[in-house]
Amino acid sequence: MGQKIELKTTSFNKNIIFDLNRSLSGQDGITYHNIADASLHDEVSAQLALKLFKYSQDIESIFIQSNMVTVNFDKNLGTGIDEFSKQIEDFFLYYGEEE
């Protein structure tokens, strides 16, 4: 149930920018610095930030503006980018893949 999010990924140093095919917030954007910060908000963008903070302890901050998600890490992620992409792609799915 739900639809996968399509995205394009750009990474440099300890930062990954995800360009999504749908908007998650307004044009102002918001930065989440930790799991406690994300849990204080009810917006869709905060729910995604909370999911990503729960997924990895290596996140320094997350900035979400409209359809752009920028994740700043404490260290270079290397090949772990694909796993983060999957977390975002599946964000609106409420059930697993149908068999």
C-alpha atoms as a PDB file:
ATOM      1  CA  MET A   1       0.000   0.000   0.000  1.00  0.00           C
ATOM      2  CA  GLY A   2       1.362   3.406  -0.854  1.00  0.00           C
ATOM      3  CA  GLN A   3       3.833   4.370  -3.537  1.00  0.00           C
ATOM      4  CA  LYS A   4       7.591   4.221  -3.709  1.00  0.00           C
ATOM      5  CA  ILE A   5       9.385   7.539  -3.810  1.00  0.00           C
ATOM      6  CA  GLU A   6      11.652   7.969  -6.818  1.00  0.00           C
ATOM      7  CA  LEU A   7      14.874   9.812  -6.112  1.00  0.00           C
ATOM      8  CA  LYS A   8      18.190  10.959  -7.480  1.00  0.00           C
ATOM      9  CA  THR A   9      21.206  10.872  -5.205  1.00  0.00           C
ATOM     10  CA  THR A  10      24.198  13.188  -5.103  1.00  0.00           C
ATOM     11  CA  SER A  11      26.959  12.617  -2.570  1.00  0.00           C
ATOM     12  CA  PHE A  12      30.056  14.562  -1.666  1.00  0.00           C
ATOM     13  CA  ASN A  13      32.309  14.047   1.332  1.00  0.00           C
ATOM     14  CA  LYS A  14      30.057  13.421   4.333  1.00  0.00           C
ATOM     15  CA  ASN A  15      26.862  14.742   2.727  1.00  0.00           C
ATOM     16  CA  ILE A  16      24.151  13.120   0.633  1.00  0.00           C
ATOM     17  CA  ILE A  17      21.461  15.061  -1.208  1.00  0.00           C
ATOM     18  CA  PHE A  18      18.320  13.178  -2.197  1.00  0.00           C
ATOM     19  CA  ASP A  19      16.153  14.808  -4.889  1.00  0.00           C
ATOM     20  CA  LEU A  20      12.673  13.265  -4.531  1.00  0.00           C
ATOM     21  CA  ASN A  21       9.766  13.097  -6.952  1.00  0.00           C
ATOM     22  CA  ARG A  22       7.406  14.495  -4.298  1.00  0.00           C
ATOM     23  CA  SER A  23       7.454  17.253  -1.738  1.00  0.00           C
ATOM     24  CA  LEU A  24       7.799  16.500   1.986  1.00  0.00           C
ATOM     25  CA  SER A  25       7.744  20.044   3.394  1.00  0.00           C
ATOM     26  CA  GLY A  26       7.200  23.689   2.532  1.00  0.00           C
ATOM     27  CA  GLN A  27       9.703  25.965   0.829  1.00  0.00           C
ATOM     28  CA  ASP A  28      11.180  27.250   4.104  1.00  0.00           C
ATOM     29  CA  GLY A  29      12.774  23.935   5.008  1.00  0.00           C
ATOM     30  CA  ILE A  30      13.687  22.652   8.439  1.00  0.00           C
ATOM     31  CA  THR A  31      16.803  21.168  10.019  1.00  0.00           C
ATOM     32  CA  TYR A  32      16.688  18.260  12.465  1.00  0.00           C
ATOM     33  CA  HIS A  33      19.806  17.804  14.591  1.00  0.00           C
ATOM     34  CA  ASN A  34      18.936  14.587  16.429  1.00  0.00           C
ATOM     35  CA  ILE A  35      16.232  12.023  17.104  1.00  0.00           C
ATOM     36  CA  ALA A  36      14.759  14.082  19.968  1.00  0.00           C
ATOM     37  CA  ASP A  37      14.441  17.127  17.718  1.00  0.00           C
ATOM     38  CA  ALA A  38      12.632  15.136  15.013  1.00  0.00           C
ATOM     39  CA  SER A  39      10.284  13.491  17.525  1.00  0.00           C
ATOM     40  CA  LEU A  40       8.947  16.897  18.657  1.00  0.00           C
ATOM     41  CA  HIS A  41       7.208  17.533  15.309  1.00  0.00           C
ATOM     42  CA  ASP A  42       4.242  15.903  13.560  1.00  0.00           C
ATOM     43  CA  GLU A  43       5.077  16.904   9.986  1.00  0.00           C
ATOM     44  CA  VAL A  44       5.836  14.331   7.299  1.00  0.00           C
ATOM     45  CA  SER A  45       9.381  15.690   7.059  1.00  0.00           C
ATOM     46  CA  ALA A  46       9.911  15.080  10.785  1.00  0.00           C
ATOM     47  CA  GLN A  47       8.621  11.515  10.437  1.00  0.00           C
ATOM     48  CA  LEU A  48      11.179  10.825   7.704  1.00  0.00           C
ATOM     49  CA  ALA A  49      13.966  12.433   9.751  1.00  0.00           C
ATOM     50  CA  LEU A  50      12.973  10.294  12.742  1.00  0.00           C
ATOM     51  CA  LYS A  51      13.077   7.147  10.586  1.00  0.00           C
ATOM     52  CA  LEU A  52      16.554   8.030   9.289  1.00  0.00           C
ATOM     53  CA  PHE A  53      17.916   8.894  12.755  1.00  0.00           C
ATOM     54  CA  LYS A  54      16.616   5.532  14.030  1.00  0.00           C
ATOM     55  CA  TYR A  55      18.276   3.797  11.077  1.00  0.00           C
ATOM     56  CA  SER A  56      21.752   5.261  11.640  1.00  0.00           C
ATOM     57  CA  GLN A  57      23.755   6.648  14.544  1.00  0.00           C
ATOM     58  CA  ASP A  58      26.154   8.334  12.085  1.00  0.00           C
ATOM     59  CA  ILE A  59      23.848  11.235  11.133  1.00  0.00           C
ATOM     60  CA  GLU A  60      24.913  14.717  12.208  1.00  0.00           C
ATOM     61  CA  SER A  61      21.852  16.570  10.844  1.00  0.00           C
ATOM     62  CA  ILE A  62      19.053  16.352   8.284  1.00  0.00           C
ATOM     63  CA  PHE A  63      17.735  19.314   6.295  1.00  0.00           C
ATOM     64  CA  ILE A  64      14.459  18.899   4.401  1.00  0.00           C
ATOM     65  CA  GLN A  65      13.181  21.550   2.006  1.00  0.00           C
ATOM     66  CA  SER A  66      10.274  20.694  -0.261  1.00  0.00           C
ATOM     67  CA  ASN A  67      11.493  17.690  -2.312  1.00  0.00           C
ATOM     68  CA  MET A  68      15.166  17.892  -1.272  1.00  0.00           C
ATOM     69  CA  VAL A  69      16.579  15.921   1.662  1.00  0.00           C
ATOM     70  CA  THR A  70      20.165  16.656   2.711  1.00  0.00           C
ATOM     71  CA  VAL A  71      21.744  14.268   5.213  1.00  0.00           C
ATOM     72  CA  ASN A  72      25.027  15.274   6.857  1.00  0.00           C
ATOM     73  CA  PHE A  73      27.023  12.431   8.383  1.00  0.00           C
ATOM     74  CA  ASP A  74      29.763  12.249  11.007  1.00  0.00           C
ATOM     75  CA  LYS A  75      31.853  10.159   8.588  1.00  0.00           C
ATOM     76  CA  ASN A  76      31.968   9.176   4.916  1.00  0.00           C
ATOM     77  CA  LEU A  77      29.301   6.600   4.160  1.00  0.00           C
ATOM     78  CA  GLY A  78      30.950   4.773   1.280  1.00  0.00           C
ATOM     79  CA  THR A  79      28.655   2.078  -0.107  1.00  0.00           C
ATOM     80  CA  GLY A  80      25.981   2.632   2.567  1.00  0.00           C
ATOM     81  CA  ILE A  81      24.266   5.220   0.375  1.00  0.00           C
ATOM     82  CA  ASP A  82      22.057   2.596  -1.276  1.00  0.00           C
ATOM     83  CA  GLU A  83      20.611   1.549   2.079  1.00  0.00           C
ATOM     84  CA  PHE A  84      19.708   5.156   2.911  1.00  0.00           C
ATOM     85  CA  SER A  85      18.103   5.533  -0.506  1.00  0.00           C
ATOM     86  CA  LYS A  86      15.940   2.490   0.206  1.00  0.00           C
ATOM     87  CA  GLN A  87      14.779   3.972   3.536  1.00  0.00           C
ATOM     88  CA  ILE A  88      13.500   7.046   1.699  1.00  0.00           C
ATOM     89  CA  GLU A  89      12.111   5.160  -1.320  1.00  0.00           C
ATOM     90  CA  ASP A  90       9.978   2.981   0.968  1.00  0.00           C
ATOM     91  CA  PHE A  91       8.885   5.797   3.303  1.00  0.00           C
ATOM     92  CA  PHE A  92       5.274   5.912   2.030  1.00  0.00           C
ATOM     93  CA  LEU A  93       4.875   2.117   1.848  1.00  0.00           C
ATOM     94  CA  TYR A  94       2.684   0.803   4.639  1.00  0.00           C
ATOM     95  CA  TYR A  95       3.127  -2.877   3.837  1.00  0.00           C
ATOM     96  CA  GLY A  96       6.008  -4.855   2.413  1.00  0.00           C
ATOM     97  CA  GLU A  97       6.373  -5.727  -1.244  1.00  0.00           C
ATOM     98  CA  GLU A  98       3.555  -7.921  -2.514  1.00  0.00           C
ATOM     99  CA  GLU A  99       4.599 -11.381  -3.573  1.00  0.00           C
END
